[in-house]
Protein backbone atom coordinates (compact mmCIF):
# COMPACT_ATOMS: atom_id res chain seq x y z
CA UNK A 1 0.03 0.00 -0.02
CA UNK A 2 1.35 3.46 -0.87
CA UNK A 3 2.41 5.95 1.89
CA UNK A 4 3.67 8.91 -0.21
CA UNK A 5 4.26 11.34 2.62
CA UNK A 6 5.92 8.88 4.96
CA UNK A 7 8.11 7.60 2.18
CA UNK A 8 9.24 11.15 1.29
CA UNK A 9 10.16 11.89 4.88
CA UNK A 10 12.10 8.65 5.20
CA UNK A 11 13.84 9.36 1.85
CA UNK A 12 14.94 12.80 3.03
CA UNK A 13 16.19 11.46 6.31
CA UNK A 14 18.10 8.65 4.63
CA UNK A 15 20.24 11.14 2.68
CA UNK A 16 21.69 12.43 6.01
CA UNK A 17 21.32 16.05 4.85
CA UNK A 18 22.89 19.02 6.59
CA UNK A 19 19.79 20.70 7.95
CA UNK A 20 20.23 24.40 8.22
CA UNK A 21 16.46 24.91 8.51
CA UNK A 22 13.82 24.39 11.17
CA UNK A 23 13.29 22.50 13.50
CA UNK A 24 16.08 23.31 15.85
CA UNK A 25 16.81 19.71 16.75
CA UNK A 26 18.11 19.29 13.14
CA UNK A 27 16.86 15.73 12.96
CA UNK A 28 19.51 14.61 15.37
CA UNK A 29 18.57 15.20 18.99
CA UNK A 30 15.63 15.40 21.31
CA UNK A 31 16.40 15.34 25.01
CA UNK A 32 13.44 13.06 25.70
CA UNK A 33 14.63 9.49 24.85
CA UNK A 34 11.13 8.25 24.02
CA UNK A 35 10.79 10.90 21.31
CA UNK A 36 14.30 10.74 19.91
CA UNK A 37 13.47 8.51 16.96
CA UNK A 38 10.88 10.98 15.68
CA UNK A 39 13.46 13.73 15.15
CA UNK A 40 14.57 12.21 11.78
CA UNK A 41 11.03 12.66 10.31
CA UNK A 42 10.30 15.99 11.92
CA UNK A 43 11.08 18.43 9.11
CA UNK A 44 9.72 21.66 7.63
CA UNK A 45 8.34 22.72 4.26
CA UNK A 46 11.01 21.84 1.66
CA UNK A 47 10.44 20.77 -1.95
CA UNK A 48 10.51 17.05 -1.22
CA UNK A 49 8.09 17.17 1.74
CA UNK A 50 5.39 19.50 0.41
CA UNK A 51 3.28 22.10 2.19
CA UNK A 52 0.08 21.37 4.05
CA UNK A 53 -1.72 24.39 2.68
CA UNK A 54 -0.61 24.17 -0.91
CA UNK A 55 -1.53 21.64 -3.60
CA UNK A 56 1.86 19.94 -3.62
CA UNK A 57 3.04 16.37 -3.40
CA UNK A 58 3.57 14.22 -1.41
CA UNK A 59 0.88 15.60 0.92
CA UNK A 60 -1.49 16.00 -2.03
CA UNK A 61 -1.09 12.25 -2.88
CA UNK A 62 -1.55 11.16 0.77
CA UNK A 63 -4.70 13.22 1.11
CA UNK A 64 -6.08 11.90 -2.20
CA UNK A 65 -5.67 8.36 -0.90
CA UNK A 66 -7.71 9.22 2.16
CA UNK A 67 -10.43 10.98 0.19
CA UNK A 68 -10.75 7.96 -2.08
CA UNK A 69 -11.03 5.61 0.96
CA UNK A 70 -13.74 7.71 2.51
CA UNK A 71 -15.66 8.38 -0.71
CA UNK A 72 -15.10 12.17 -0.53
CA UNK A 73 -14.04 14.63 -3.20
CA UNK A 74 -11.33 16.15 -1.10
CA UNK A 75 -9.39 15.51 2.14
CA UNK A 76 -7.45 18.06 4.20
CA UNK A 77 -4.97 16.79 6.75
CA UNK A 78 -5.22 18.60 10.14
CA UNK A 79 -2.61 18.81 12.88
CA UNK A 80 -4.83 20.74 15.28
CA UNK A 81 -7.38 17.98 15.98
CA UNK A 82 -11.02 18.12 15.11
CA UNK A 83 -11.17 21.60 16.68
CA UNK A 84 -9.22 22.94 13.71
CA UNK A 85 -11.57 21.00 11.39
CA UNK A 86 -14.74 22.26 12.98
CA UNK A 87 -13.57 25.88 12.74
CA UNK A 88 -12.56 25.39 9.11
CA UNK A 89 -15.76 23.60 8.13
CA UNK A 90 -18.08 26.16 9.64
CA UNK A 91 -16.06 28.99 8.08
CA UNK A 92 -16.48 27.34 4.72
CA UNK A 93 -20.18 26.66 5.12
CA UNK A 94 -21.50 29.68 7.07
CA UNK A 95 -21.26 33.31 6.00
CA UNK A 96 -20.38 35.45 9.03
CA UNK A 97 -23.51 36.54 10.85
CA UNK A 98 -25.73 33.83 9.35
CA UNK A 99 -28.07 31.47 11.09
CA UNK A 100 -27.04 27.87 11.66
CA UNK A 101 -28.95 24.90 13.01
CA UNK A 102 -26.65 23.45 15.67
CA UNK A 103 -26.67 20.29 17.69
CA UNK A 104 -27.30 21.44 21.30
CA UNK A 105 -24.76 18.84 22.58
CA UNK A 106 -22.01 19.96 20.20
CA UNK A 107 -18.35 20.18 21.23
CA UNK A 108 -17.04 23.40 22.70
CA UNK A 109 -15.10 24.04 19.47
CA UNK A 110 -18.42 24.62 17.77
CA UNK A 111 -19.42 27.17 20.34
CA UNK A 112 -16.04 28.90 19.83
CA UNK A 113 -16.70 28.94 16.04
CA UNK A 114 -20.12 30.47 16.62
CA UNK A 115 -18.40 33.25 18.48
CA UNK A 116 -15.56 33.81 16.02
CA UNK A 117 -17.92 33.87 13.07
CA UNK A 118 -20.72 35.81 14.83
CA UNK A 119 -23.17 33.08 13.93
CA UNK A 120 -26.80 32.98 15.17
CA UNK A 121 -27.36 29.48 16.52
CA UNK A 122 -30.77 27.79 16.43
CA UNK A 123 -30.39 24.75 18.69
CA UNK A 124 -31.53 21.34 17.63
CA UNK A 125 -32.32 19.46 20.89
CA UNK A 126 -31.72 15.69 20.98
CA UNK A 127 -34.50 13.45 22.10
CA UNK A 128 -34.00 11.95 25.56
CA UNK A 129 -33.82 8.16 25.77
CA UNK A 130 -35.24 7.76 29.30
CA UNK A 131 -34.54 4.02 29.65
CA UNK A 132 -30.94 4.46 28.56
CA UNK A 133 -30.33 7.72 30.41
CA UNK A 134 -28.69 9.40 27.34
CA UNK A 135 -29.49 11.91 24.62
CA UNK A 136 -30.46 10.04 21.47
CA UNK A 137 -29.67 10.38 17.75
CA UNK A 138 -31.31 12.86 15.39
CA UNK A 139 -33.87 11.69 12.83
CA UNK A 140 -34.31 13.30 9.45
CA UNK A 141 -37.75 14.45 10.61
CA UNK A 142 -36.16 16.40 13.48
CA UNK A 143 -34.06 18.35 11.06
CA UNK A 144 -36.84 18.81 8.45
CA UNK A 145 -39.20 20.26 11.08
CA UNK A 146 -36.65 22.86 12.12
CA UNK A 147 -35.73 23.83 8.54
CA UNK A 148 -39.41 24.04 7.57
CA UNK A 149 -39.94 26.50 10.44
CA UNK A 150 -37.05 28.71 9.43
CA UNK A 151 -36.12 28.79 5.69
CA UNK A 152 -33.33 31.25 6.42
CA UNK A 153 -31.17 28.52 7.90
CA UNK A 154 -28.80 27.25 5.24
CA UNK A 155 -26.26 25.25 7.35
CA UNK A 156 -26.82 22.40 9.76
CA UNK A 157 -24.12 21.10 12.14
CA UNK A 158 -24.57 17.89 14.09
CA UNK A 159 -22.46 15.38 15.94
CA UNK A 160 -22.38 11.68 14.93
CA UNK A 161 -21.41 9.49 16.64
CA UNK A 162 -21.89 10.86 20.14
CA UNK A 163 -19.49 10.18 22.92
CA UNK A 164 -21.57 7.17 23.86
CA UNK A 165 -21.53 5.88 20.31
CA UNK A 166 -25.03 6.81 19.11
CA UNK A 167 -25.23 7.37 15.32
CA UNK A 168 -27.60 9.61 13.33
CA UNK A 169 -28.65 8.71 9.80
CA UNK A 170 -26.39 11.09 8.02
CA UNK A 171 -27.23 10.13 4.38
CA UNK A 172 -30.91 10.68 5.09
CA UNK A 173 -30.30 13.95 6.97
CA UNK A 174 -28.09 15.21 4.14
CA UNK A 175 -30.98 14.60 1.75
CA UNK A 176 -33.27 16.74 3.90
CA UNK A 177 -30.72 19.57 4.24
CA UNK A 178 -29.98 19.59 0.47
CA UNK A 179 -33.63 19.58 -0.35
CA UNK A 180 -33.86 22.86 1.66
CA UNK A 181 -30.85 24.32 -0.22
CA UNK A 182 -28.45 24.00 2.70
CA UNK A 183 -25.15 22.39 3.66
CA UNK A 184 -24.53 19.73 6.27
CA UNK A 185 -21.46 19.82 8.53
CA UNK A 186 -20.82 16.69 10.60
CA UNK A 187 -18.63 16.52 13.71
CA UNK A 188 -17.58 12.90 13.37
CA UNK A 189 -14.67 13.25 15.72
CA UNK A 190 -15.31 9.83 17.27
CA UNK A 191 -16.06 8.08 13.92
CA UNK A 192 -12.76 8.04 11.98
CA UNK A 193 -12.83 4.20 12.02
CA UNK A 194 -16.41 3.61 10.77
CA UNK A 195 -15.46 3.40 7.15
CA UNK A 196 -13.00 0.61 7.99
CA UNK A 197 -15.97 -1.37 9.44
CA UNK A 198 -17.70 -1.10 6.10
CA UNK A 199 -20.09 1.58 7.29
CA UNK A 200 -21.12 4.35 4.92
CA UNK A 201 -21.65 6.69 7.89
CA UNK A 202 -21.09 10.06 6.26
CA UNK A 203 -22.37 9.82 2.69
CA UNK A 204 -23.99 13.03 1.44
CA UNK A 205 -22.46 15.39 4.04
CA UNK A 206 -20.77 18.53 2.65
CA UNK A 207 -18.08 18.58 5.30
CA UNK A 208 -17.11 15.89 7.74
CA UNK A 209 -14.46 16.22 10.50
CA UNK A 210 -12.90 13.10 12.09
CA UNK A 211 -10.27 12.74 14.77
CA UNK A 212 -7.86 10.01 13.58
CA UNK A 213 -6.11 10.13 16.95
CA UNK A 214 -9.27 9.13 18.80
CA UNK A 215 -9.89 5.80 17.20
CA UNK A 216 -7.10 5.06 14.76
CA UNK A 217 -3.32 4.29 15.24
CA UNK A 218 -2.37 7.89 14.68
CA UNK A 219 -0.61 10.55 16.82
CA UNK A 220 -2.42 13.00 19.11
CA UNK A 221 -3.90 16.00 17.22
CA UNK A 222 -4.10 13.98 13.93
CA UNK A 223 -7.44 14.74 12.27
CA UNK A 224 -9.03 14.93 8.87
CA UNK A 225 -11.58 17.16 7.08
CA UNK A 226 -13.46 15.66 4.13
CA UNK A 227 -15.40 17.91 1.82
CA UNK A 228 -17.76 17.59 -1.16
CA UNK A 229 -18.78 20.33 -3.47
CA UNK A 230 -16.31 22.88 -1.96
CA UNK A 231 -13.32 24.27 -3.85
CA UNK A 232 -10.22 22.45 -2.53
CA UNK A 233 -8.14 25.61 -2.78
CA UNK A 234 -10.64 27.41 -0.56
CA UNK A 235 -10.46 24.49 1.90
CA UNK A 236 -6.65 24.80 2.10
CA UNK A 237 -6.74 28.58 2.48
CA UNK A 238 -9.37 28.40 5.30
CA UNK A 239 -7.52 25.62 7.11
CA UNK A 240 -4.44 27.80 7.10
CA UNK A 241 -6.34 30.43 9.15
CA UNK A 242 -6.82 27.99 12.01
CA UNK A 243 -3.70 25.89 11.72
CA UNK A 244 -0.08 26.55 12.58
CA UNK A 245 2.18 27.56 9.67
CA UNK A 246 4.64 24.92 11.08
CA UNK A 247 2.54 21.75 11.15
CA UNK A 248 4.05 18.59 12.67
CA UNK A 249 5.23 16.20 9.93
CA UNK A 250 5.30 13.22 12.26
CA UNK A 251 1.55 13.88 12.92
CA UNK A 252 0.93 14.11 9.17
CA UNK A 253 2.95 10.98 8.52
CA UNK A 254 0.90 9.11 11.11
CA UNK A 255 -2.22 9.85 9.08
CA UNK A 256 -0.59 8.38 6.01
CA UNK A 257 0.56 5.20 7.79
CA UNK A 258 -2.70 4.71 9.73
CA UNK A 259 -4.68 4.45 6.50
CA UNK A 260 -2.07 2.11 4.93
CA UNK A 261 -2.09 -0.19 7.95
CA UNK A 262 -5.89 -0.37 8.11
CA UNK A 263 -6.15 -1.09 4.41
CA UNK A 264 -3.48 -3.81 4.79
CA UNK A 265 -2.49 -5.87 7.85
CA UNK A 266 -5.03 -4.11 10.09
CA UNK A 267 -7.96 -4.68 7.75
CA UNK A 268 -9.44 -7.41 9.91
CA UNK A 269 -8.62 -5.99 13.27
CA UNK A 270 -11.60 -3.71 13.57
CA UNK A 271 -13.93 -6.55 12.65
CA UNK A 272 -12.40 -8.63 15.47
CA UNK A 273 -12.82 -5.83 17.97
CA UNK A 274 -16.40 -5.21 16.84
CA UNK A 275 -17.20 -8.87 17.56
CA UNK A 276 -15.67 -8.61 21.03
CA UNK A 277 -17.60 -5.40 21.67
CA UNK A 278 -20.84 -7.18 20.72
CA UNK A 279 -19.97 -9.95 23.14
CA UNK A 280 -19.30 -7.45 25.97
CA UNK A 281 -22.64 -5.85 25.35
CA UNK A 282 -24.41 -9.19 25.63
CA UNK A 283 -22.46 -10.06 28.75
CA UNK A 284 -22.94 -6.79 30.67
CA UNK A 285 -25.70 -4.16 30.91
CA UNK A 286 -24.88 -1.55 28.27
CA UNK A 287 -26.10 0.50 25.37
CA UNK A 288 -26.80 -2.02 22.64
CA UNK A 289 -29.06 -2.93 19.72
CA UNK A 290 -31.53 -1.89 18.47
CA UNK A 291 -29.92 1.50 19.04
CA UNK A 292 -27.90 2.77 16.11
CA UNK A 293 -24.42 2.38 17.56
CA UNK A 294 -20.76 2.59 16.68
CA UNK A 295 -19.86 -1.15 16.69
CA UNK A 296 -16.80 -0.67 18.83
CA UNK A 297 -17.99 1.81 21.42
CA UNK A 298 -18.76 0.04 24.72
CA UNK A 299 -20.92 2.16 27.05
CA UNK A 300 -21.49 0.29 30.28
CA UNK A 301 -24.47 1.03 32.49
CA UNK A 302 -23.54 1.38 36.15
CA UNK A 303 -25.17 2.64 39.34
CA UNK A 304 -22.47 5.16 40.14
CA UNK A 305 -20.13 6.16 37.30
CA UNK A 306 -17.47 8.06 39.29
CA UNK A 307 -17.21 5.37 41.98
CA UNK A 308 -17.01 2.55 39.34
CA UNK A 309 -14.34 4.37 37.43
CA UNK A 310 -12.37 5.20 40.52
CA UNK A 311 -12.17 1.53 41.33
CA UNK A 312 -11.10 0.57 37.79
CA UNK A 313 -8.32 3.13 37.85
CA UNK A 314 -7.01 2.76 41.41
CA UNK A 315 -7.36 -0.96 41.87
CA UNK A 316 -7.07 -2.45 38.38
CA UNK A 317 -5.01 0.14 36.42
CA UNK A 318 -7.79 0.21 33.77
CA UNK A 319 -8.52 3.68 32.46
CA UNK A 320 -11.79 4.20 30.54
CA UNK A 321 -12.41 7.27 28.35
CA UNK A 322 -15.06 8.93 30.58
CA UNK A 323 -17.90 8.37 32.97
CA UNK A 324 -21.07 10.11 33.97
CA UNK A 325 -23.58 9.36 36.69
CA UNK A 326 -24.86 6.16 35.11
CA UNK A 327 -22.37 5.12 32.43
CA UNK A 328 -18.73 4.32 31.85
CA UNK A 329 -17.49 4.72 28.25
CA UNK A 330 -14.73 2.48 26.87
CA UNK A 331 -13.15 3.30 23.49
CA UNK A 332 -12.19 -0.02 21.88
CA UNK A 333 -10.05 0.12 18.71
CA UNK A 334 -8.10 -2.13 16.36
CA UNK A 335 -5.11 -1.69 18.64
CA UNK A 336 -6.78 -3.48 21.56
CA UNK A 337 -5.36 -7.06 21.55
CA UNK A 338 -7.16 -10.12 22.78
CA UNK A 339 -5.23 -10.12 26.05
CA UNK A 340 -6.30 -6.58 26.89
CA UNK A 341 -9.92 -7.37 26.06
CA UNK A 342 -9.82 -10.58 28.09
CA UNK A 343 -8.46 -8.69 31.08
CA UNK A 344 -11.14 -6.01 30.84
CA UNK A 345 -13.85 -8.68 30.68
CA UNK A 346 -12.40 -10.54 33.62
CA UNK A 347 -12.30 -7.42 35.81
CA UNK A 348 -15.80 -6.41 34.85
CA UNK A 349 -17.05 -9.87 35.88
CA UNK A 350 -15.93 -9.08 39.45
CA UNK A 351 -17.83 -5.79 39.52
CA UNK A 352 -21.23 -6.83 38.19
CA UNK A 353 -23.06 -5.96 41.44
CA UNK A 354 -22.24 -2.32 40.68
CA UNK A 355 -23.75 -2.41 37.21
CA UNK A 356 -27.34 -1.70 36.13
CA UNK A 357 -29.64 1.13 35.29
CA UNK A 358 -29.43 4.48 37.12
CA UNK A 359 -31.85 7.30 36.58
CA UNK A 360 -30.06 10.29 34.99
CA UNK A 361 -32.26 13.26 34.53
CA UNK A 362 -32.86 15.00 31.24
CA UNK A 363 -31.76 18.64 31.10
CA UNK A 364 -34.45 21.32 31.68
CA UNK A 365 -35.92 23.40 28.84
CA UNK A 366 -33.63 25.88 27.14
CA UNK A 367 -32.84 28.95 29.17
CA UNK A 368 -33.41 32.56 28.10
CA UNK A 369 -30.88 33.77 25.55
CA UNK A 370 -29.56 37.25 26.34
CA UNK A 371 -26.32 37.69 24.36
CA UNK A 372 -25.08 36.24 21.11
CA UNK A 373 -22.23 33.67 21.37
CA UNK A 374 -19.80 36.32 20.14
CA UNK A 375 -21.02 38.93 22.65
CA UNK A 376 -20.73 36.35 25.45
CA UNK A 377 -17.30 35.17 24.41
CA UNK A 378 -15.78 38.61 24.34
CA UNK A 379 -17.79 40.24 27.19
CA UNK A 380 -16.01 41.45 30.36
CA UNK A 381 -16.37 38.58 32.77
CA UNK A 382 -16.10 37.55 36.38
CA UNK A 383 -15.91 34.25 38.19
CA UNK A 384 -18.64 33.55 40.81
CA UNK A 385 -19.69 30.56 42.89
CA UNK A 386 -22.49 28.73 41.09
CA UNK A 387 -25.03 29.41 43.88
CA UNK A 388 -24.54 33.12 43.40
CA UNK A 389 -25.25 33.21 39.60
CA UNK A 390 -29.04 33.39 39.49
CA UNK A 391 -30.00 35.93 36.87
CA UNK A 392 -26.46 36.21 35.46
CA UNK A 393 -25.47 35.56 31.87
CA UNK A 394 -23.09 32.63 31.30
CA UNK A 395 -20.08 33.11 29.02
CA UNK A 396 -19.12 29.44 29.05
CA UNK A 397 -20.83 26.03 28.69
CA UNK A 398 -22.33 24.50 31.78
CA UNK A 399 -22.53 20.94 30.63
CA UNK A 400 -22.73 18.37 33.46
CA UNK A 401 -22.46 14.63 32.93
CA UNK A 402 -24.94 13.18 32.50
CA UNK A 403 -26.09 14.05 29.92
CA UNK A 404 -23.24 16.12 28.44
CA UNK A 405 -25.74 18.51 26.86
CA UNK A 406 -25.20 22.17 27.91
CA UNK A 407 -27.78 23.13 30.46
CA UNK A 408 -26.63 26.69 29.94
CA UNK A 409 -24.81 27.75 26.76
CA UNK A 410 -22.73 30.92 26.28
CA UNK A 411 -25.02 33.94 26.19
CA UNK A 412 -27.89 32.34 28.14
CA UNK A 413 -29.21 33.37 31.53
CA UNK A 414 -28.81 31.11 34.59
CA UNK A 415 -32.24 30.88 36.19
CA UNK A 416 -33.94 29.18 39.08
CA UNK A 417 -34.76 25.99 37.13
CA UNK A 418 -31.16 25.57 36.00
CA UNK A 419 -29.81 26.00 39.52
CA UNK A 420 -32.42 23.56 40.83
CA UNK A 421 -31.34 21.02 38.25
CA UNK A 422 -27.64 21.46 39.18
CA UNK A 423 -28.54 20.87 42.84
CA UNK A 424 -30.58 17.79 41.95
CA UNK A 425 -27.83 16.09 40.04
CA UNK A 426 -25.05 17.15 42.40
CA UNK A 427 -23.22 19.22 39.79
CA UNK A 428 -19.70 19.83 41.15
CA UNK A 429 -18.56 22.82 39.05
CA UNK A 430 -18.60 25.29 41.90
CA UNK A 431 -17.22 28.36 40.00
CA UNK A 432 -18.82 29.76 36.82
CA UNK A 433 -17.64 32.51 34.49
CA UNK A 434 -20.42 35.05 33.86
CA UNK A 435 -20.66 38.36 32.04
CA UNK A 436 -19.77 41.24 34.35
CA UNK A 437 -22.57 43.57 35.42
CA UNK A 438 -22.48 46.95 33.62
């Protein structure tokens, strides 16, 4: 399988060149022994290595291989994680000051993009799955209803999969959005691996952002932006606004080699892990079929998430991705060997008395909006104890777990019902940033 960027970096290093260019380690020395071997491949923009923001090989060739694998017209490598991708995608799809239909439970990078671009968000609430204690996927009808109500909305931004692995029907939603003359942006940060499981999870979307580092054998901050119907030159120019002009070539090379491995020797590994995940779901109480789920996301139902996770970490040296009041989320990938999965299953067998349904509460209705996201982001602010914030306007997200959906978003007023909800769920964020009083 070809790895054009990785091969170019290795070829340059093999010539033992005298490097009178950045980086300062000159390909020879890093004082951290564990990182020393990366120095040879850590270069800068020279003719043989290309430029991330120009249409030059070998980066162009490596990106084209990814685009072909994902069924997209264009792929842009990212070294600033999905945050960089979300900012780029929304800049490409949303004229400044325009309205956008936004997943209420979106990542904070989306809220930051709303502020930077002065966008007017119309929030798309997720349905609450009471029996599971989590926010559910979107249906095409959810999106159609909102777009029918407000024809001025021309961009939709949703998250799929969620942290717990729930998938929305992106092809169907894309059809609805396009029928209304709009564009669909998908935050697929947790779904970079789905295509390697044979899932056509993002067909029809205009822009999809995935974090390779979350679920693939790629370095931290490695991410990808896939676009359709958008000028590739504009994608590169826009990505350059949000990305460093000195991107990490080891991160870029890890994107190249991750794809090659998963198309070659690793091709069957995700299938193996999906089968083990299915077995774990049958063995222990968890989110499972008929919910539309990422086949390798294991979300265990427990009676006390923090206590359960604390025992896993302190007694068993097992570190899950996250927990909330009633769930513990494990990210399983093609890099989890059978021995590791056997050990996880064995430990969980000894903790079954702590598993089972809890009763997480859905968030209250949306609060009053007072400021735009941009006004809230750049307003003079002060930090107050949560119990003293009634009537104040929040400049940050207050998003307790469960359910991970902001109870109060930037620009919204903290009221009695929100404070009552925080007390009821035992929210432990004791200090809140609010807009300063005039």
